[in-house]
């Protein structure tokens, strides 16, 4: 009789262990799904930040090239941007002259 009780006790413990395993697997699947959702959301936020950074950069360039009430740093940046634009224009003119030759 003791052996049967011992076997029954082992079976009960195995069933409890199996239920805990199933619950752990379900929890794990849910957590994996939540992690994936968080990663997707993080990626979207990073893309939004990059787009906004680019817009901010363009807005700064637009403001600086207009030259209204600029600080010394902004004025220097404006001059640098205009210098680069002029360099590009000279290079384009040189290429056109070479093509026309």
N, C-alpha and C. Protein backbone atom coordinates (compact mmCIF):
# COMPACT_ATOMS: atom_id res chain seq x y z
N UNK A 1 0.82 -1.18 0.00
CA UNK A 1 0.00 0.00 0.00
C UNK A 1 0.87 1.26 0.00
N UNK A 2 1.95 1.25 0.69
CA UNK A 2 2.83 2.40 0.75
C UNK A 2 3.44 2.71 -0.62
N UNK A 3 3.73 1.67 -1.39
CA UNK A 3 4.31 1.86 -2.71
C UNK A 3 3.30 2.56 -3.61
N UNK A 4 2.05 2.18 -3.53
CA UNK A 4 1.02 2.82 -4.33
C UNK A 4 0.86 4.28 -3.96
N UNK A 5 0.91 4.57 -2.66
CA UNK A 5 0.83 5.96 -2.21
C UNK A 5 2.05 6.75 -2.69
N UNK A 6 3.20 6.11 -2.64
CA UNK A 6 4.44 6.75 -3.08
C UNK A 6 4.36 7.05 -4.59
N UNK A 7 3.87 6.07 -5.35
CA UNK A 7 3.73 6.23 -6.80
C UNK A 7 2.70 7.33 -7.09
N UNK A 8 1.59 7.33 -6.35
CA UNK A 8 0.56 8.36 -6.54
C UNK A 8 1.13 9.74 -6.21
N UNK A 9 1.92 9.80 -5.18
CA UNK A 9 2.55 11.07 -4.79
C UNK A 9 3.48 11.56 -5.90
N UNK A 10 4.23 10.66 -6.47
CA UNK A 10 5.14 11.02 -7.57
C UNK A 10 4.33 11.48 -8.78
N UNK A 11 3.24 10.78 -9.10
CA UNK A 11 2.39 11.18 -10.22
C UNK A 11 1.79 12.56 -10.00
N UNK A 12 1.35 12.83 -8.79
CA UNK A 12 0.79 14.15 -8.46
C UNK A 12 1.85 15.25 -8.64
N UNK A 13 3.03 14.97 -8.16
CA UNK A 13 4.11 15.94 -8.29
C UNK A 13 4.49 16.16 -9.75
N UNK A 14 4.48 15.07 -10.53
CA UNK A 14 4.76 15.19 -11.96
C UNK A 14 3.69 16.04 -12.66
N UNK A 15 2.43 15.83 -12.30
CA UNK A 15 1.35 16.62 -12.89
C UNK A 15 1.49 18.10 -12.52
N UNK A 16 1.84 18.37 -11.26
CA UNK A 16 2.06 19.76 -10.84
C UNK A 16 3.23 20.38 -11.62
N UNK A 17 4.28 19.59 -11.75
CA UNK A 17 5.45 20.06 -12.49
C UNK A 17 5.10 20.32 -13.95
N UNK A 18 4.30 19.44 -14.53
CA UNK A 18 3.89 19.61 -15.92
C UNK A 18 3.04 20.88 -16.08
N UNK A 19 2.10 21.12 -15.14
CA UNK A 19 1.28 22.33 -15.19
C UNK A 19 2.17 23.58 -15.07
N UNK A 20 3.15 23.53 -14.18
CA UNK A 20 4.06 24.66 -14.03
C UNK A 20 4.87 24.88 -15.31
N UNK A 21 5.28 23.78 -15.94
CA UNK A 21 6.02 23.88 -17.20
C UNK A 21 5.15 24.53 -18.27
N UNK A 22 3.90 24.10 -18.39
CA UNK A 22 3.01 24.69 -19.37
C UNK A 22 2.78 26.17 -19.10
N UNK A 23 2.59 26.52 -17.83
CA UNK A 23 2.39 27.92 -17.48
C UNK A 23 3.65 28.73 -17.80
N UNK A 24 4.81 28.18 -17.50
CA UNK A 24 6.07 28.87 -17.79
C UNK A 24 6.26 29.06 -19.29
N UNK A 25 5.89 28.06 -20.07
CA UNK A 25 6.00 28.18 -21.53
C UNK A 25 5.04 29.25 -22.06
N UNK A 26 3.84 29.30 -21.51
CA UNK A 26 2.87 30.31 -21.93
C UNK A 26 3.38 31.71 -21.55
N UNK A 27 3.90 31.84 -20.33
CA UNK A 27 4.45 33.12 -19.88
C UNK A 27 5.63 33.53 -20.76
N UNK A 28 6.46 32.57 -21.09
CA UNK A 28 7.64 32.83 -21.92
C UNK A 28 7.21 33.32 -23.31
N UNK A 29 6.22 32.68 -23.88
CA UNK A 29 5.73 33.10 -25.20
C UNK A 29 5.16 34.52 -25.15
N UNK A 30 4.42 34.81 -24.09
CA UNK A 30 3.86 36.15 -23.93
C UNK A 30 4.97 37.19 -23.78
N UNK A 31 5.98 36.86 -22.98
CA UNK A 31 7.09 37.80 -22.79
C UNK A 31 7.88 38.00 -24.08
N UNK A 32 8.07 36.95 -24.84
CA UNK A 32 8.76 37.09 -26.13
C UNK A 32 7.98 38.01 -27.06
N UNK A 33 6.67 37.87 -27.07
CA UNK A 33 5.83 38.72 -27.90
C UNK A 33 5.93 40.18 -27.45
N UNK A 34 5.92 40.40 -26.14
CA UNK A 34 6.04 41.75 -25.62
C UNK A 34 7.41 42.36 -25.97
N UNK A 35 8.45 41.55 -25.88
CA UNK A 35 9.79 42.03 -26.23
C UNK A 35 9.82 42.43 -27.70
N UNK A 36 9.24 41.62 -28.56
CA UNK A 36 9.21 41.94 -30.00
C UNK A 36 8.44 43.23 -30.25
N UNK A 37 7.32 43.40 -29.57
CA UNK A 37 6.54 44.63 -29.73
C UNK A 37 7.35 45.84 -29.27
N UNK A 38 8.07 45.69 -28.15
CA UNK A 38 8.88 46.79 -27.64
C UNK A 38 10.02 47.12 -28.61
N UNK A 39 10.61 46.09 -29.19
CA UNK A 39 11.69 46.32 -30.16
C UNK A 39 11.16 47.03 -31.40
N UNK A 40 9.98 46.62 -31.87
CA UNK A 40 9.37 47.28 -33.03
C UNK A 40 9.07 48.75 -32.71
N UNK A 41 8.54 48.98 -31.52
CA UNK A 41 8.22 50.34 -31.11
C UNK A 41 9.49 51.19 -30.99
N UNK A 42 10.54 50.60 -30.44
CA UNK A 42 11.81 51.30 -30.31
C UNK A 42 12.37 51.67 -31.68
N UNK A 43 12.28 50.75 -32.62
CA UNK A 43 12.75 51.02 -33.98
C UNK A 43 11.96 52.16 -34.61
N UNK A 44 10.65 52.17 -34.41
CA UNK A 44 9.83 53.25 -34.94
C UNK A 44 10.22 54.59 -34.32
N UNK A 45 10.47 54.59 -33.01
CA UNK A 45 10.88 55.82 -32.34
C UNK A 45 12.23 56.30 -32.86
N UNK A 46 13.15 55.37 -33.07
CA UNK A 46 14.46 55.75 -33.60
C UNK A 46 14.34 56.35 -35.00
N UNK A 47 13.48 55.77 -35.82
CA UNK A 47 13.28 56.30 -37.16
C UNK A 47 12.64 57.69 -37.11
N UNK A 48 11.71 57.88 -36.19
CA UNK A 48 11.08 59.19 -36.02
C UNK A 48 12.12 60.22 -35.57
N UNK A 49 12.98 59.83 -34.65
CA UNK A 49 14.03 60.73 -34.16
C UNK A 49 14.96 61.11 -35.30
N UNK A 50 15.36 60.14 -36.10
CA UNK A 50 16.25 60.42 -37.23
C UNK A 50 15.59 61.38 -38.21
N UNK A 51 14.31 61.16 -38.50
CA UNK A 51 13.59 62.05 -39.42
C UNK A 51 13.49 63.46 -38.85
N UNK A 52 13.20 63.56 -37.57
CA UNK A 52 13.09 64.88 -36.94
C UNK A 52 14.45 65.57 -36.88
N UNK A 53 15.50 64.81 -36.63
CA UNK A 53 16.85 65.39 -36.64
C UNK A 53 17.18 65.96 -38.01
N UNK A 54 16.81 65.23 -39.05
CA UNK A 54 17.07 65.71 -40.41
C UNK A 54 16.26 66.98 -40.70
N UNK A 55 15.01 67.00 -40.27
CA UNK A 55 14.19 68.20 -40.46
C UNK A 55 14.77 69.38 -39.69
N UNK A 56 15.23 69.12 -38.47
CA UNK A 56 15.84 70.19 -37.67
C UNK A 56 17.09 70.73 -38.33
N UNK A 57 17.89 69.83 -38.87
CA UNK A 57 19.11 70.25 -39.56
C UNK A 57 18.76 71.12 -40.77
N UNK A 58 17.77 70.70 -41.55
CA UNK A 58 17.36 71.48 -42.70
C UNK A 58 16.77 72.83 -42.29
N UNK A 59 16.02 72.84 -41.20
CA UNK A 59 15.44 74.10 -40.71
C UNK A 59 16.54 75.05 -40.26
N UNK A 60 17.56 74.51 -39.60
CA UNK A 60 18.68 75.34 -39.17
C UNK A 60 19.41 75.93 -40.37
N UNK A 61 19.62 75.09 -41.37
CA UNK A 61 20.30 75.57 -42.58
C UNK A 61 19.47 76.65 -43.25
N UNK A 62 18.16 76.44 -43.33
CA UNK A 62 17.29 77.44 -43.95
C UNK A 62 17.32 78.74 -43.17
N UNK A 63 17.28 78.66 -41.87
CA UNK A 63 17.31 79.85 -41.03
C UNK A 63 18.64 80.57 -41.15
N UNK A 64 19.69 79.81 -41.14
CA UNK A 64 21.03 80.39 -41.19
C UNK A 64 21.29 81.04 -42.54
N UNK A 65 20.83 80.40 -43.60
CA UNK A 65 21.09 80.98 -44.93
C UNK A 65 20.32 82.27 -45.15
N UNK A 66 19.24 82.46 -44.41
CA UNK A 66 18.50 83.73 -44.51
C UNK A 66 19.24 84.85 -43.79
N UNK A 67 19.99 84.48 -42.74
CA UNK A 67 20.85 85.44 -42.07
C UNK A 67 20.17 86.42 -41.16
N UNK A 68 19.02 86.11 -40.63
CA UNK A 68 18.31 87.03 -39.74
C UNK A 68 18.74 86.83 -38.29
N UNK A 69 19.39 87.85 -37.71
CA UNK A 69 19.75 87.83 -36.29
C UNK A 69 20.58 86.63 -35.89
N UNK A 70 21.67 86.39 -36.59
CA UNK A 70 22.48 85.21 -36.34
C UNK A 70 23.55 85.48 -35.29
N UNK A 71 23.86 84.45 -34.53
CA UNK A 71 24.99 84.54 -33.61
C UNK A 71 26.27 84.37 -34.42
N UNK A 72 27.39 84.57 -33.78
CA UNK A 72 28.67 84.44 -34.49
C UNK A 72 28.85 83.02 -35.02
N UNK A 73 28.46 82.04 -34.22
CA UNK A 73 28.60 80.63 -34.63
C UNK A 73 27.70 80.34 -35.83
N UNK A 74 26.48 80.82 -35.79
CA UNK A 74 25.55 80.59 -36.90
C UNK A 74 26.02 81.32 -38.15
N UNK A 75 26.57 82.53 -37.97
CA UNK A 75 27.08 83.30 -39.10
C UNK A 75 28.26 82.56 -39.74
N UNK A 76 29.12 81.98 -38.91
CA UNK A 76 30.26 81.21 -39.43
C UNK A 76 29.76 79.98 -40.20
N UNK A 77 28.74 79.34 -39.66
CA UNK A 77 28.18 78.16 -40.33
C UNK A 77 27.57 78.56 -41.66
N UNK A 78 26.86 79.70 -41.67
CA UNK A 78 26.24 80.19 -42.90
C UNK A 78 27.31 80.45 -43.96
N UNK A 79 28.40 81.06 -43.54
CA UNK A 79 29.48 81.33 -44.48
C UNK A 79 30.10 80.03 -45.00
N UNK A 80 30.22 79.05 -44.11
CA UNK A 80 30.77 77.76 -44.52
C UNK A 80 29.85 77.08 -45.53
N UNK A 81 28.54 77.11 -45.28
CA UNK A 81 27.57 76.49 -46.19
C UNK A 81 27.60 77.19 -47.54
N UNK A 82 27.61 78.52 -47.51
CA UNK A 82 27.67 79.26 -48.77
C UNK A 82 28.97 78.97 -49.52
N UNK A 83 30.07 78.84 -48.79
CA UNK A 83 31.34 78.50 -49.42
C UNK A 83 31.29 77.16 -50.10
N UNK A 84 30.69 76.18 -49.43
CA UNK A 84 30.56 74.84 -50.02
C UNK A 84 29.68 74.89 -51.27
N UNK A 85 28.60 75.64 -51.19
CA UNK A 85 27.70 75.76 -52.35
C UNK A 85 28.46 76.41 -53.51
N UNK A 86 29.20 77.45 -53.22
CA UNK A 86 29.99 78.10 -54.28
C UNK A 86 31.04 77.16 -54.86
N UNK A 87 31.66 76.34 -54.01
CA UNK A 87 32.63 75.35 -54.50
C UNK A 87 31.96 74.36 -55.44
N UNK A 88 30.75 73.90 -55.06
CA UNK A 88 30.02 72.97 -55.92
C UNK A 88 29.67 73.62 -57.25
N UNK A 89 29.25 74.87 -57.20
CA UNK A 89 28.89 75.57 -58.44
C UNK A 89 30.12 75.71 -59.34
N UNK A 90 31.27 76.07 -58.75
CA UNK A 90 32.50 76.18 -59.55
C UNK A 90 32.87 74.84 -60.18
N UNK A 91 32.71 73.77 -59.41
CA UNK A 91 33.03 72.43 -59.91
C UNK A 91 32.08 72.05 -61.05
N UNK A 92 30.82 72.37 -60.91
CA UNK A 92 29.83 72.09 -61.96
C UNK A 92 30.19 72.89 -63.22
N UNK A 93 30.52 74.18 -63.03
CA UNK A 93 30.92 75.01 -64.18
C UNK A 93 32.15 74.45 -64.87
N UNK A 94 33.11 73.97 -64.09
CA UNK A 94 34.33 73.39 -64.66
C UNK A 94 33.99 72.13 -65.47
N UNK A 95 33.08 71.29 -64.92
CA UNK A 95 32.67 70.07 -65.63
C UNK A 95 31.96 70.41 -66.94
N UNK A 96 31.11 71.42 -66.90
CA UNK A 96 30.40 71.85 -68.11
C UNK A 96 31.38 72.36 -69.13
N UNK A 97 32.37 73.13 -68.69
CA UNK A 97 33.38 73.65 -69.61
C UNK A 97 34.16 72.50 -70.24
N UNK A 98 34.49 71.47 -69.46
CA UNK A 98 35.21 70.31 -69.99
C UNK A 98 34.35 69.55 -71.01
N UNK A 99 33.07 69.46 -70.72
CA UNK A 99 32.18 68.75 -71.63
C UNK A 99 32.00 69.51 -72.95
N UNK A 100 32.02 70.83 -72.88
CA UNK A 100 31.85 71.65 -74.06
C UNK A 100 33.14 71.72 -74.91
N UNK A 101 34.26 71.37 -74.33
CA UNK A 101 35.53 71.43 -75.07
C UNK A 101 35.67 70.33 -76.10
